[in-house]
Amino acid sequence: MSATRTQVYLTDEQRQRIDALAKAEGVTMAEIVRRALDAYFTNKDPDPELALAATFGAEPDASVPSRDEWERG
């Protein structure tokens, strides 16, 4: 594999999460970043079911309007 050195700025939280994942998997930070980029470029069309699953319950105080006023015809 040919590779090009690239510098990016990450938030402290991003770096901590990457470091933890890299340690858990026994790989380098660069490998985690490459995997994430590969996944990003491979997944051009997001899966709506995954998006719904990831956001389900995100607004626990949401209210559902009554359907009593709907006209049925």
PDB file of N, CA and C in Angstrom:
ATOM      1  N   MET A   1       0.849  -1.178   0.000  1.00  0.00           N
ATOM      2  CA  MET A   1       0.000   0.000   0.000  1.00  0.00           C
ATOM      3  C   MET A   1       0.892   1.238   0.000  1.00  0.00           C
ATOM      4  N   SER A   2       0.601   2.125  -0.883  1.00  0.00           N
ATOM      5  CA  SER A   2       1.282   3.408  -0.915  1.00  0.00           C
ATOM      6  C   SER A   2       0.511   4.381  -0.037  1.00  0.00           C
ATOM      7  N   ALA A   3       1.208   5.227   0.699  1.00  0.00           N
ATOM      8  CA  ALA A   3       0.532   6.161   1.596  1.00  0.00           C
ATOM      9  C   ALA A   3       1.195   7.527   1.517  1.00  0.00           C
ATOM     10  N   THR A   4       0.406   8.553   1.752  1.00  0.00           N
ATOM     11  CA  THR A   4       0.885   9.920   1.774  1.00  0.00           C
ATOM     12  C   THR A   4       0.654  10.489   3.157  1.00  0.00           C
ATOM     13  N   ARG A   5       1.677  11.067   3.729  1.00  0.00           N
ATOM     14  CA  ARG A   5       1.539  11.670   5.054  1.00  0.00           C
ATOM     15  C   ARG A   5       0.662  12.910   4.942  1.00  0.00           C
ATOM     16  N   THR A   6      -0.319  13.006   5.833  1.00  0.00           N
ATOM     17  CA  THR A   6      -1.265  14.114   5.829  1.00  0.00           C
ATOM     18  C   THR A   6      -1.501  14.573   7.256  1.00  0.00           C
ATOM     19  N   GLN A   7      -1.583  15.873   7.445  1.00  0.00           N
ATOM     20  CA  GLN A   7      -1.830  16.414   8.774  1.00  0.00           C
ATOM     21  C   GLN A   7      -3.251  16.945   8.855  1.00  0.00           C
ATOM     22  N   VAL A   8      -3.970  16.567   9.918  1.00  0.00           N
ATOM     23  CA  VAL A   8      -5.320  17.066  10.141  1.00  0.00           C
ATOM     24  C   VAL A   8      -5.439  17.513  11.592  1.00  0.00           C
ATOM     25  N   TYR A   9      -6.381  18.396  11.838  1.00  0.00           N
ATOM     26  CA  TYR A   9      -6.658  18.841  13.198  1.00  0.00           C
ATOM     27  C   TYR A   9      -7.925  18.154  13.676  1.00  0.00           C
ATOM     28  N   LEU A  10      -7.836  17.536  14.851  1.00  0.00           N
ATOM     29  CA  LEU A  10      -8.971  16.843  15.457  1.00  0.00           C
ATOM     30  C   LEU A  10      -9.335  17.546  16.750  1.00  0.00           C
ATOM     31  N   THR A  11     -10.593  17.413  17.139  1.00  0.00           N
ATOM     32  CA  THR A  11     -10.965  17.925  18.454  1.00  0.00           C
ATOM     33  C   THR A  11     -10.355  16.996  19.502  1.00  0.00           C
ATOM     34  N   ASP A  12     -10.272  17.478  20.728  1.00  0.00           N
ATOM     35  CA  ASP A  12      -9.743  16.635  21.803  1.00  0.00           C
ATOM     36  C   ASP A  12     -10.568  15.364  21.943  1.00  0.00           C
ATOM     37  N   GLU A  13     -11.891  15.500  21.845  1.00  0.00           N
ATOM     38  CA  GLU A  13     -12.762  14.331  21.971  1.00  0.00           C
ATOM     39  C   GLU A  13     -12.531  13.332  20.840  1.00  0.00           C
ATOM     40  N   GLN A  14     -12.389  13.828  19.610  1.00  0.00           N
ATOM     41  CA  GLN A  14     -12.133  12.929  18.485  1.00  0.00           C
ATOM     42  C   GLN A  14     -10.840  12.160  18.708  1.00  0.00           C
ATOM     43  N   ARG A  15      -9.820  12.858  19.134  1.00  0.00           N
ATOM     44  CA  ARG A  15      -8.516  12.215  19.343  1.00  0.00           C
ATOM     45  C   ARG A  15      -8.603  11.163  20.447  1.00  0.00           C
ATOM     46  N   GLN A  16      -9.290  11.482  21.531  1.00  0.00           N
ATOM     47  CA  GLN A  16      -9.435  10.521  22.622  1.00  0.00           C
ATOM     48  C   GLN A  16     -10.187   9.273  22.167  1.00  0.00           C
ATOM     49  N   ARG A  17     -11.227   9.478  21.384  1.00  0.00           N
ATOM     50  CA  ARG A  17     -12.026   8.343  20.914  1.00  0.00           C
ATOM     51  C   ARG A  17     -11.229   7.483  19.925  1.00  0.00           C
ATOM     52  N   ILE A  18     -10.473   8.125  19.051  1.00  0.00           N
ATOM     53  CA  ILE A  18      -9.635   7.381  18.100  1.00  0.00           C
ATOM     54  C   ILE A  18      -8.562   6.609  18.853  1.00  0.00           C
ATOM     55  N   ASP A  19      -7.923   7.260  19.817  1.00  0.00           N
ATOM     56  CA  ASP A  19      -6.873   6.594  20.597  1.00  0.00           C
ATOM     57  C   ASP A  19      -7.423   5.370  21.332  1.00  0.00           C
ATOM     58  N   ALA A  20      -8.616   5.516  21.927  1.00  0.00           N
ATOM     59  CA  ALA A  20      -9.222   4.404  22.660  1.00  0.00           C
ATOM     60  C   ALA A  20      -9.543   3.245  21.712  1.00  0.00           C
ATOM     61  N   LEU A  21     -10.094   3.561  20.549  1.00  0.00           N
ATOM     62  CA  LEU A  21     -10.429   2.527  19.576  1.00  0.00           C
ATOM     63  C   LEU A  21      -9.172   1.842  19.055  1.00  0.00           C
ATOM     64  N   ALA A  22      -8.154   2.631  18.751  1.00  0.00           N
ATOM     65  CA  ALA A  22      -6.899   2.066  18.254  1.00  0.00           C
ATOM     66  C   ALA A  22      -6.278   1.131  19.288  1.00  0.00           C
ATOM     67  N   LYS A  23      -6.302   1.547  20.560  1.00  0.00           N
ATOM     68  CA  LYS A  23      -5.746   0.705  21.620  1.00  0.00           C
ATOM     69  C   LYS A  23      -6.535  -0.585  21.762  1.00  0.00           C
ATOM     70  N   ALA A  24      -7.860  -0.475  21.728  1.00  0.00           N
ATOM     71  CA  ALA A  24      -8.716  -1.653  21.880  1.00  0.00           C
ATOM     72  C   ALA A  24      -8.512  -2.649  20.738  1.00  0.00           C
ATOM     73  N   GLU A  25      -8.264  -2.136  19.533  1.00  0.00           N
ATOM     74  CA  GLU A  25      -8.113  -3.013  18.371  1.00  0.00           C
ATOM     75  C   GLU A  25      -6.663  -3.363  18.077  1.00  0.00           C
ATOM     76  N   GLY A  26      -5.740  -2.726  18.777  1.00  0.00           N
ATOM     77  CA  GLY A  26      -4.334  -3.017  18.567  1.00  0.00           C
ATOM     78  C   GLY A  26      -3.800  -2.538  17.233  1.00  0.00           C
ATOM     79  N   VAL A  27      -4.316  -1.399  16.779  1.00  0.00           N
ATOM     80  CA  VAL A  27      -3.859  -0.820  15.512  1.00  0.00           C
ATOM     81  C   VAL A  27      -3.450   0.630  15.752  1.00  0.00           C
ATOM     82  N   THR A  28      -2.916   1.251  14.724  1.00  0.00           N
ATOM     83  CA  THR A  28      -2.486   2.643  14.848  1.00  0.00           C
ATOM     84  C   THR A  28      -3.658   3.603  14.651  1.00  0.00           C
ATOM     85  N   MET A  29      -3.448   4.829  15.104  1.00  0.00           N
ATOM     86  CA  MET A  29      -4.431   5.875  14.885  1.00  0.00           C
ATOM     87  C   MET A  29      -4.665   6.060  13.382  1.00  0.00           C
ATOM     88  N   ALA A  30      -3.605   6.001  12.606  1.00  0.00           N
ATOM     89  CA  ALA A  30      -3.718   6.173  11.157  1.00  0.00           C
ATOM     90  C   ALA A  30      -4.623   5.111  10.547  1.00  0.00           C
ATOM     91  N   GLU A  31      -4.543   3.888  11.054  1.00  0.00           N
ATOM     92  CA  GLU A  31      -5.386   2.818  10.538  1.00  0.00           C
ATOM     93  C   GLU A  31      -6.855   3.092  10.833  1.00  0.00           C
ATOM     94  N   ILE A  32      -7.148   3.592  12.020  1.00  0.00           N
ATOM     95  CA  ILE A  32      -8.530   3.933  12.373  1.00  0.00           C
ATOM     96  C   ILE A  32      -9.049   5.022  11.435  1.00  0.00           C
ATOM     97  N   VAL A  33      -8.249   6.032  11.178  1.00  0.00           N
ATOM     98  CA  VAL A  33      -8.659   7.136  10.300  1.00  0.00           C
ATOM     99  C   VAL A  33      -8.866   6.620   8.875  1.00  0.00           C
ATOM    100  N   ARG A  34      -7.950   5.781   8.390  1.00  0.00           N
ATOM    101  CA  ARG A  34      -8.109   5.222   7.034  1.00  0.00           C
ATOM    102  C   ARG A  34      -9.387   4.402   6.921  1.00  0.00           C
ATOM    103  N   ARG A  35      -9.669   3.583   7.937  1.00  0.00           N
ATOM    104  CA  ARG A  35     -10.900   2.779   7.920  1.00  0.00           C
ATOM    105  C   ARG A  35     -12.136   3.675   7.892  1.00  0.00           C
ATOM    106  N   ALA A  36     -12.105   4.731   8.695  1.00  0.00           N
ATOM    107  CA  ALA A  36     -13.251   5.644   8.737  1.00  0.00           C
ATOM    108  C   ALA A  36     -13.452   6.318   7.380  1.00  0.00           C
ATOM    109  N   LEU A  37     -12.375   6.742   6.759  1.00  0.00           N
ATOM    110  CA  LEU A  37     -12.486   7.376   5.439  1.00  0.00           C
ATOM    111  C   LEU A  37     -12.975   6.385   4.389  1.00  0.00           C
ATOM    112  N   ASP A  38     -12.467   5.166   4.433  1.00  0.00           N
ATOM    113  CA  ASP A  38     -12.944   4.144   3.491  1.00  0.00           C
ATOM    114  C   ASP A  38     -14.436   3.912   3.661  1.00  0.00           C
ATOM    115  N   ALA A  39     -14.887   3.823   4.902  1.00  0.00           N
ATOM    116  CA  ALA A  39     -16.318   3.617   5.158  1.00  0.00           C
ATOM    117  C   ALA A  39     -17.129   4.806   4.658  1.00  0.00           C
ATOM    118  N   TYR A  40     -16.624   6.007   4.868  1.00  0.00           N
ATOM    119  CA  TYR A  40     -17.317   7.223   4.420  1.00  0.00           C
ATOM    120  C   TYR A  40     -17.455   7.239   2.900  1.00  0.00           C
ATOM    121  N   PHE A  41     -16.382   6.936   2.198  1.00  0.00           N
ATOM    122  CA  PHE A  41     -16.420   6.994   0.737  1.00  0.00           C
ATOM    123  C   PHE A  41     -17.200   5.829   0.131  1.00  0.00           C
ATOM    124  N   THR A  42     -17.283   4.719   0.826  1.00  0.00           N
ATOM    125  CA  THR A  42     -18.025   3.558   0.347  1.00  0.00           C
ATOM    126  C   THR A  42     -19.521   3.758   0.524  1.00  0.00           C
ATOM    127  N   ASN A  43     -19.913   4.445   1.571  1.00  0.00           N
ATOM    128  CA  ASN A  43     -21.317   4.612   1.934  1.00  0.00           C
ATOM    129  C   ASN A  43     -21.880   5.931   1.423  1.00  0.00           C
ATOM    130  N   LYS A  44     -21.982   6.091   0.123  1.00  0.00           N
ATOM    131  CA  LYS A  44     -22.490   7.341  -0.437  1.00  0.00           C
ATOM    132  C   LYS A  44     -23.979   7.529  -0.152  1.00  0.00           C
ATOM    133  N   ASP A  45     -24.743   6.447  -0.190  1.00  0.00           N
ATOM    134  CA  ASP A  45     -26.177   6.515   0.064  1.00  0.00           C
ATOM    135  C   ASP A  45     -26.444   5.952   1.459  1.00  0.00           C
ATOM    136  N   PRO A  46     -26.768   6.812   2.408  1.00  0.00           N
ATOM    137  CA  PRO A  46     -27.000   6.312   3.761  1.00  0.00           C
ATOM    138  C   PRO A  46     -28.217   5.392   3.819  1.00  0.00           C
ATOM    139  N   ASP A  47     -28.144   4.419   4.672  1.00  0.00           N
ATOM    140  CA  ASP A  47     -29.234   3.478   4.877  1.00  0.00           C
ATOM    141  C   ASP A  47     -30.270   4.133   5.776  1.00  0.00           C
ATOM    142  N   PRO A  48     -31.501   4.350   5.284  1.00  0.00           N
ATOM    143  CA  PRO A  48     -32.496   5.031   6.106  1.00  0.00           C
ATOM    144  C   PRO A  48     -32.810   4.284   7.402  1.00  0.00           C
ATOM    145  N   GLU A  49     -32.746   2.957   7.380  1.00  0.00           N
ATOM    146  CA  GLU A  49     -33.017   2.193   8.600  1.00  0.00           C
ATOM    147  C   GLU A  49     -31.944   2.458   9.653  1.00  0.00           C
ATOM    148  N   LEU A  50     -30.687   2.560   9.229  1.00  0.00           N
ATOM    149  CA  LEU A  50     -29.612   2.870  10.175  1.00  0.00           C
ATOM    150  C   LEU A  50     -29.778   4.274  10.736  1.00  0.00           C
ATOM    151  N   ALA A  51     -30.172   5.215   9.878  1.00  0.00           N
ATOM    152  CA  ALA A  51     -30.377   6.586  10.344  1.00  0.00           C
ATOM    153  C   ALA A  51     -31.510   6.649  11.362  1.00  0.00           C
ATOM    154  N   LEU A  52     -32.593   5.934  11.097  1.00  0.00           N
ATOM    155  CA  LEU A  52     -33.708   5.907  12.042  1.00  0.00           C
ATOM    156  C   LEU A  52     -33.301   5.240  13.352  1.00  0.00           C
ATOM    157  N   ALA A  53     -32.569   4.138  13.258  1.00  0.00           N
ATOM    158  CA  ALA A  53     -32.137   3.434  14.460  1.00  0.00           C
ATOM    159  C   ALA A  53     -31.192   4.305  15.289  1.00  0.00           C
ATOM    160  N   ALA A  54     -30.343   5.061  14.618  1.00  0.00           N
ATOM    161  CA  ALA A  54     -29.380   5.901  15.326  1.00  0.00           C
ATOM    162  C   ALA A  54     -30.037   7.084  16.010  1.00  0.00           C
ATOM    163  N   THR A  55     -31.184   7.508  15.516  1.00  0.00           N
ATOM    164  CA  THR A  55     -31.837   8.687  16.087  1.00  0.00           C
ATOM    165  C   THR A  55     -33.089   8.360  16.881  1.00  0.00           C
ATOM    166  N   PHE A  56     -33.474   7.091  16.934  1.00  0.00           N
ATOM    167  CA  PHE A  56     -34.678   6.709  17.652  1.00  0.00           C
ATOM    168  C   PHE A  56     -34.569   7.113  19.117  1.00  0.00           C
ATOM    169  N   GLY A  57     -35.575   7.803  19.593  1.00  0.00           N
ATOM    170  CA  GLY A  57     -35.577   8.237  20.985  1.00  0.00           C
ATOM    171  C   GLY A  57     -34.732   9.463  21.246  1.00  0.00           C
ATOM    172  N   ALA A  58     -34.278  10.125  20.182  1.00  0.00           N
ATOM    173  CA  ALA A  58     -33.417  11.289  20.358  1.00  0.00           C
ATOM    174  C   ALA A  58     -34.158  12.444  21.019  1.00  0.00           C
ATOM    175  N   GLU A  59     -35.478  12.482  20.886  1.00  0.00           N
ATOM    176  CA  GLU A  59     -36.289  13.533  21.511  1.00  0.00           C
ATOM    177  C   GLU A  59     -37.353  12.865  22.371  1.00  0.00           C
ATOM    178  N   PRO A  60     -36.959  12.429  23.576  1.00  0.00           N
ATOM    179  CA  PRO A  60     -37.910  11.685  24.405  1.00  0.00           C
ATOM    180  C   PRO A  60     -39.118  12.497  24.848  1.00  0.00           C
ATOM    181  N   ASP A  61     -39.032  13.835  24.814  1.00  0.00           N
ATOM    182  CA  ASP A  61     -40.151  14.670  25.241  1.00  0.00           C
ATOM    183  C   ASP A  61     -41.059  15.079  24.083  1.00  0.00           C
ATOM    184  N   ALA A  62     -40.822  14.519  22.913  1.00  0.00           N
ATOM    185  CA  ALA A  62     -41.650  14.872  21.754  1.00  0.00           C
ATOM    186  C   ALA A  62     -43.090  14.421  21.999  1.00  0.00           C
ATOM    187  N   SER A  63     -44.019  15.243  21.554  1.00  0.00           N
ATOM    188  CA  SER A  63     -45.421  14.875  21.704  1.00  0.00           C
ATOM    189  C   SER A  63     -46.007  14.528  20.341  1.00  0.00           C
ATOM    190  N   VAL A  64     -46.928  13.617  20.348  1.00  0.00           N
ATOM    191  CA  VAL A  64     -47.581  13.197  19.116  1.00  0.00           C
ATOM    192  C   VAL A  64     -48.963  13.821  19.093  1.00  0.00           C
ATOM    193  N   PRO A  65     -49.281  14.607  18.059  1.00  0.00           N
ATOM    194  CA  PRO A  65     -50.590  15.240  18.002  1.00  0.00           C
ATOM    195  C   PRO A  65     -51.705  14.208  17.849  1.00  0.00           C
ATOM    196  N   SER A  66     -52.862  14.550  18.357  1.00  0.00           N
ATOM    197  CA  SER A  66     -54.017  13.674  18.260  1.00  0.00           C
ATOM    198  C   SER A  66     -54.467  13.577  16.804  1.00  0.00           C
ATOM    199  N   ARG A  67     -54.956  12.428  16.444  1.00  0.00           N
ATOM    200  CA  ARG A  67     -55.472  12.223  15.085  1.00  0.00           C
ATOM    201  C   ARG A  67     -56.992  12.356  15.048  1.00  0.00           C
ATOM    202  N   ASP A  68     -57.586  12.709  16.165  1.00  0.00           N
ATOM    203  CA  ASP A  68     -59.057  12.818  16.239  1.00  0.00           C
ATOM    204  C   ASP A  68     -59.624  13.845  15.259  1.00  0.00           C
ATOM    205  N   GLU A  69     -58.822  14.862  14.936  1.00  0.00           N
ATOM    206  CA  GLU A  69     -59.309  15.934  14.060  1.00  0.00           C
ATOM    207  C   GLU A  69     -59.169  15.606  12.581  1.00  0.00           C
ATOM    208  N   TRP A  70     -58.492  14.534  12.253  1.00  0.00           N
ATOM    209  CA  TRP A  70     -58.286  14.194  10.856  1.00  0.00           C
ATOM    210  C   TRP A  70     -59.592  13.797  10.207  1.00  0.00           C
ATOM    211  N   GLU A  71     -59.762  14.281   9.003  1.00  0.00           N
ATOM    212  CA  GLU A  71     -60.941  13.885   8.248  1.00  0.00           C
ATOM    213  C   GLU A  71     -60.654  12.575   7.529  1.00  0.00           C
ATOM    214  N   ARG A  72     -61.591  11.713   7.600  1.00  0.00           N
ATOM    215  CA  ARG A  72     -61.430  10.424   6.911  1.00  0.00           C
ATOM    216  C   ARG A  72     -62.443  10.386   5.787  1.00  0.00           C
ATOM    217  N   GLY A  73     -61.980  10.029   4.641  1.00  0.00           N
ATOM    218  CA  GLY A  73     -62.926  10.069   3.561  1.00  0.00           C
ATOM    219  C   GLY A  73     -62.661   9.198   2.437  1.00  0.00           C
TER     220      GLY A  73
END
